[in-house]
Amino acid sequence: MTAHSTHRLHVLDVACLVLMIAGGLNWLLVGLFRFDVIAGTFGMMSIGLARIVYLLVGIAAIYSIVRLPTMAHYRYEPAERETYVARQP
């Protein structure tokens, strides 16, 4: 890579960020209102499924902690959009 190369977040980085935001908002609601969105979404009948979601949030946090030094150098750059020009008849 050159000194001017652009670093971009990987899909897994973004997925982990989304999971951690969802987990953080869930804990906010648990703390404020004693309402667990994850358990409420999947229902009390599927506690196993809710545990899987909690595990994914925890794994996402661990992954992000490991990747944090690398991601600190990244910056957001939207993907280039292609523009289409309509043909003239």
N, C-alpha and C. Protein backbone atom coordinates (compact mmCIF):
# COMPACT_ATOMS: atom_id res chain seq x y z
N MET A 1 0.83 -1.18 0.00
CA MET A 1 0.00 0.00 0.00
C MET A 1 0.87 1.24 0.00
N THR A 2 0.39 2.24 -0.65
CA THR A 2 1.13 3.49 -0.68
C THR A 2 0.73 4.37 0.50
N ALA A 3 1.49 5.43 0.69
CA ALA A 3 1.20 6.35 1.79
C ALA A 3 -0.14 7.06 1.59
N HIS A 4 -0.61 7.13 0.35
CA HIS A 4 -1.85 7.84 0.06
C HIS A 4 -3.03 6.89 -0.10
N SER A 5 -2.84 5.62 0.18
CA SER A 5 -3.94 4.67 0.00
C SER A 5 -5.03 4.92 1.04
N THR A 6 -6.23 4.58 0.69
CA THR A 6 -7.38 4.79 1.54
C THR A 6 -7.73 3.49 2.26
N HIS A 7 -7.94 3.60 3.56
CA HIS A 7 -8.39 2.44 4.33
C HIS A 7 -9.90 2.50 4.42
N ARG A 8 -10.52 1.35 4.24
CA ARG A 8 -11.97 1.28 4.34
C ARG A 8 -12.35 0.19 5.33
N LEU A 9 -13.49 0.36 5.94
CA LEU A 9 -13.99 -0.65 6.86
C LEU A 9 -14.43 -1.87 6.08
N HIS A 10 -14.17 -3.03 6.63
CA HIS A 10 -14.63 -4.27 6.03
C HIS A 10 -16.09 -4.50 6.40
N VAL A 11 -16.75 -5.35 5.66
CA VAL A 11 -18.15 -5.67 5.93
C VAL A 11 -18.30 -6.22 7.35
N LEU A 12 -17.35 -7.05 7.77
CA LEU A 12 -17.42 -7.62 9.12
C LEU A 12 -17.28 -6.53 10.18
N ASP A 13 -16.47 -5.51 9.93
CA ASP A 13 -16.34 -4.39 10.87
C ASP A 13 -17.67 -3.67 11.03
N VAL A 14 -18.34 -3.42 9.92
CA VAL A 14 -19.62 -2.72 9.96
C VAL A 14 -20.68 -3.59 10.64
N ALA A 15 -20.69 -4.88 10.34
CA ALA A 15 -21.65 -5.79 10.98
C ALA A 15 -21.45 -5.82 12.49
N CYS A 16 -20.20 -5.84 12.93
CA CYS A 16 -19.92 -5.83 14.36
C CYS A 16 -20.35 -4.51 14.99
N LEU A 17 -20.14 -3.42 14.29
CA LEU A 17 -20.57 -2.12 14.80
C LEU A 17 -22.09 -2.09 14.97
N VAL A 18 -22.82 -2.60 14.01
CA VAL A 18 -24.28 -2.62 14.09
C VAL A 18 -24.73 -3.49 15.27
N LEU A 19 -24.09 -4.66 15.45
CA LEU A 19 -24.44 -5.52 16.58
C LEU A 19 -24.17 -4.83 17.91
N MET A 20 -23.04 -4.14 18.01
CA MET A 20 -22.72 -3.47 19.27
C MET A 20 -23.66 -2.29 19.55
N ILE A 21 -24.07 -1.58 18.53
CA ILE A 21 -25.04 -0.50 18.72
C ILE A 21 -26.37 -1.08 19.19
N ALA A 22 -26.81 -2.16 18.54
CA ALA A 22 -28.06 -2.80 18.96
C ALA A 22 -27.96 -3.29 20.40
N GLY A 23 -26.83 -3.89 20.76
CA GLY A 23 -26.65 -4.36 22.12
C GLY A 23 -26.62 -3.23 23.12
N GLY A 24 -25.96 -2.13 22.77
CA GLY A 24 -25.91 -0.98 23.65
C GLY A 24 -27.28 -0.35 23.87
N LEU A 25 -28.04 -0.23 22.80
CA LEU A 25 -29.40 0.31 22.94
C LEU A 25 -30.28 -0.63 23.76
N ASN A 26 -30.09 -1.93 23.58
CA ASN A 26 -30.84 -2.90 24.37
C ASN A 26 -30.54 -2.73 25.86
N TRP A 27 -29.25 -2.58 26.21
CA TRP A 27 -28.88 -2.39 27.62
C TRP A 27 -29.41 -1.07 28.16
N LEU A 28 -29.47 -0.04 27.33
CA LEU A 28 -30.06 1.22 27.74
C LEU A 28 -31.52 1.03 28.14
N LEU A 29 -32.25 0.31 27.30
CA LEU A 29 -33.67 0.06 27.60
C LEU A 29 -33.85 -0.84 28.82
N VAL A 30 -32.94 -1.80 29.00
CA VAL A 30 -33.00 -2.64 30.20
C VAL A 30 -32.76 -1.78 31.44
N GLY A 31 -31.78 -0.89 31.37
CA GLY A 31 -31.46 -0.04 32.51
C GLY A 31 -32.55 0.97 32.83
N LEU A 32 -33.15 1.55 31.82
CA LEU A 32 -34.16 2.58 32.04
C LEU A 32 -35.54 2.00 32.35
N PHE A 33 -35.94 1.00 31.58
CA PHE A 33 -37.33 0.53 31.65
C PHE A 33 -37.47 -0.95 32.00
N ARG A 34 -36.36 -1.62 32.26
CA ARG A 34 -36.37 -3.06 32.53
C ARG A 34 -37.06 -3.83 31.40
N PHE A 35 -36.83 -3.36 30.17
CA PHE A 35 -37.39 -4.02 28.99
C PHE A 35 -36.25 -4.52 28.13
N ASP A 36 -36.21 -5.81 27.90
CA ASP A 36 -35.18 -6.44 27.07
C ASP A 36 -35.74 -6.63 25.66
N VAL A 37 -35.28 -5.80 24.74
CA VAL A 37 -35.79 -5.83 23.36
C VAL A 37 -35.49 -7.17 22.70
N ILE A 38 -34.29 -7.70 22.93
CA ILE A 38 -33.90 -8.96 22.28
C ILE A 38 -34.83 -10.08 22.73
N ALA A 39 -35.01 -10.23 24.04
CA ALA A 39 -35.91 -11.29 24.54
C ALA A 39 -37.34 -11.01 24.11
N GLY A 40 -37.73 -9.73 24.09
CA GLY A 40 -39.08 -9.38 23.66
C GLY A 40 -39.32 -9.66 22.19
N THR A 41 -38.29 -9.45 21.38
CA THR A 41 -38.42 -9.68 19.94
C THR A 41 -38.55 -11.17 19.63
N PHE A 42 -37.69 -11.97 20.25
CA PHE A 42 -37.70 -13.40 19.96
C PHE A 42 -38.67 -14.16 20.84
N GLY A 43 -39.27 -13.52 21.83
CA GLY A 43 -40.25 -14.16 22.69
C GLY A 43 -39.59 -15.00 23.76
N MET A 44 -40.32 -15.17 24.82
CA MET A 44 -39.80 -15.93 25.95
C MET A 44 -39.66 -17.42 25.60
N MET A 45 -40.35 -17.88 24.59
CA MET A 45 -40.29 -19.29 24.21
C MET A 45 -38.94 -19.64 23.59
N SER A 46 -38.26 -18.67 23.04
CA SER A 46 -36.99 -18.96 22.36
C SER A 46 -35.83 -18.26 23.06
N ILE A 47 -35.66 -18.55 24.35
CA ILE A 47 -34.57 -17.97 25.11
C ILE A 47 -33.22 -18.37 24.49
N GLY A 48 -33.15 -19.56 23.92
CA GLY A 48 -31.92 -20.00 23.26
C GLY A 48 -31.53 -19.08 22.12
N LEU A 49 -32.50 -18.63 21.36
CA LEU A 49 -32.24 -17.71 20.25
C LEU A 49 -31.75 -16.36 20.77
N ALA A 50 -32.35 -15.89 21.85
CA ALA A 50 -31.90 -14.63 22.45
C ALA A 50 -30.46 -14.77 22.95
N ARG A 51 -30.11 -15.92 23.53
CA ARG A 51 -28.74 -16.15 23.99
C ARG A 51 -27.76 -16.09 22.83
N ILE A 52 -28.16 -16.61 21.67
CA ILE A 52 -27.30 -16.58 20.49
C ILE A 52 -27.04 -15.12 20.09
N VAL A 53 -28.09 -14.30 20.12
CA VAL A 53 -27.92 -12.88 19.79
C VAL A 53 -26.97 -12.22 20.78
N TYR A 54 -27.14 -12.51 22.07
CA TYR A 54 -26.24 -11.95 23.09
C TYR A 54 -24.80 -12.39 22.85
N LEU A 55 -24.61 -13.65 22.49
CA LEU A 55 -23.27 -14.15 22.19
C LEU A 55 -22.67 -13.42 20.99
N LEU A 56 -23.47 -13.21 19.96
CA LEU A 56 -22.99 -12.50 18.77
C LEU A 56 -22.57 -11.06 19.12
N VAL A 57 -23.34 -10.41 19.98
CA VAL A 57 -22.99 -9.05 20.40
C VAL A 57 -21.67 -9.07 21.15
N GLY A 58 -21.49 -10.04 22.05
CA GLY A 58 -20.24 -10.15 22.80
C GLY A 58 -19.05 -10.45 21.91
N ILE A 59 -19.22 -11.35 20.96
CA ILE A 59 -18.15 -11.69 20.03
C ILE A 59 -17.81 -10.48 19.16
N ALA A 60 -18.84 -9.73 18.76
CA ALA A 60 -18.61 -8.51 17.98
C ALA A 60 -17.78 -7.51 18.77
N ALA A 61 -18.05 -7.40 20.07
CA ALA A 61 -17.29 -6.48 20.91
C ALA A 61 -15.83 -6.92 21.01
N ILE A 62 -15.60 -8.20 21.21
CA ILE A 62 -14.22 -8.71 21.30
C ILE A 62 -13.49 -8.49 19.98
N TYR A 63 -14.16 -8.79 18.87
CA TYR A 63 -13.57 -8.57 17.55
C TYR A 63 -13.18 -7.10 17.37
N SER A 64 -14.09 -6.20 17.78
CA SER A 64 -13.83 -4.78 17.62
C SER A 64 -12.69 -4.30 18.51
N ILE A 65 -12.57 -4.86 19.71
CA ILE A 65 -11.45 -4.51 20.58
C ILE A 65 -10.14 -4.89 19.92
N VAL A 66 -10.09 -6.07 19.33
CA VAL A 66 -8.87 -6.53 18.65
C VAL A 66 -8.56 -5.67 17.43
N ARG A 67 -9.60 -5.29 16.69
CA ARG A 67 -9.42 -4.51 15.46
C ARG A 67 -9.28 -3.01 15.70
N LEU A 68 -9.55 -2.54 16.92
CA LEU A 68 -9.57 -1.11 17.20
C LEU A 68 -8.31 -0.37 16.76
N PRO A 69 -7.11 -0.88 17.05
CA PRO A 69 -5.91 -0.14 16.61
C PRO A 69 -5.86 0.05 15.09
N THR A 70 -6.31 -0.95 14.34
CA THR A 70 -6.32 -0.85 12.89
C THR A 70 -7.42 0.08 12.41
N MET A 71 -8.62 -0.05 13.01
CA MET A 71 -9.75 0.76 12.58
C MET A 71 -9.58 2.22 12.94
N ALA A 72 -8.74 2.54 13.90
CA ALA A 72 -8.53 3.93 14.30
C ALA A 72 -7.94 4.75 13.15
N HIS A 73 -7.28 4.09 12.22
CA HIS A 73 -6.67 4.79 11.09
C HIS A 73 -7.60 4.88 9.88
N TYR A 74 -8.75 4.21 9.95
CA TYR A 74 -9.68 4.23 8.83
C TYR A 74 -10.46 5.53 8.85
N ARG A 75 -10.97 5.87 7.70
CA ARG A 75 -11.89 6.99 7.62
C ARG A 75 -13.01 6.60 6.68
N TYR A 76 -14.15 7.19 6.89
CA TYR A 76 -15.32 6.85 6.09
C TYR A 76 -15.24 7.56 4.75
N GLU A 77 -15.38 6.78 3.71
CA GLU A 77 -15.49 7.33 2.37
C GLU A 77 -16.58 6.56 1.64
N PRO A 78 -17.65 7.23 1.29
CA PRO A 78 -18.72 6.52 0.59
C PRO A 78 -18.23 5.95 -0.74
N ALA A 79 -18.83 4.85 -1.11
CA ALA A 79 -18.47 4.23 -2.39
C ALA A 79 -18.81 5.18 -3.52
N GLU A 80 -18.01 5.12 -4.55
CA GLU A 80 -18.26 5.98 -5.70
C GLU A 80 -19.54 5.54 -6.40
N ARG A 81 -20.34 6.50 -6.75
CA ARG A 81 -21.60 6.18 -7.42
C ARG A 81 -21.42 6.38 -8.91
N GLU A 82 -21.99 5.45 -9.63
CA GLU A 82 -21.95 5.58 -11.08
C GLU A 82 -23.16 6.41 -11.52
N THR A 83 -22.94 7.27 -12.45
CA THR A 83 -24.05 8.04 -12.98
C THR A 83 -24.36 7.54 -14.38
N TYR A 84 -25.63 7.40 -14.61
CA TYR A 84 -26.06 6.91 -15.90
C TYR A 84 -26.70 8.07 -16.66
N VAL A 85 -26.32 8.20 -17.89
CA VAL A 85 -26.87 9.25 -18.73
C VAL A 85 -27.87 8.60 -19.67
N ALA A 86 -29.06 9.15 -19.69
CA ALA A 86 -30.09 8.60 -20.58
C ALA A 86 -29.71 8.89 -22.02
N ARG A 87 -29.95 7.92 -22.87
CA ARG A 87 -29.65 8.12 -24.29
C ARG A 87 -30.69 9.04 -24.91
N GLN A 88 -30.20 9.84 -25.81
CA GLN A 88 -31.12 10.70 -26.55
C GLN A 88 -31.68 9.90 -27.73
N PRO A 89 -33.00 9.96 -27.93
CA PRO A 89 -33.60 9.19 -29.05
C PRO A 89 -33.24 9.74 -30.40
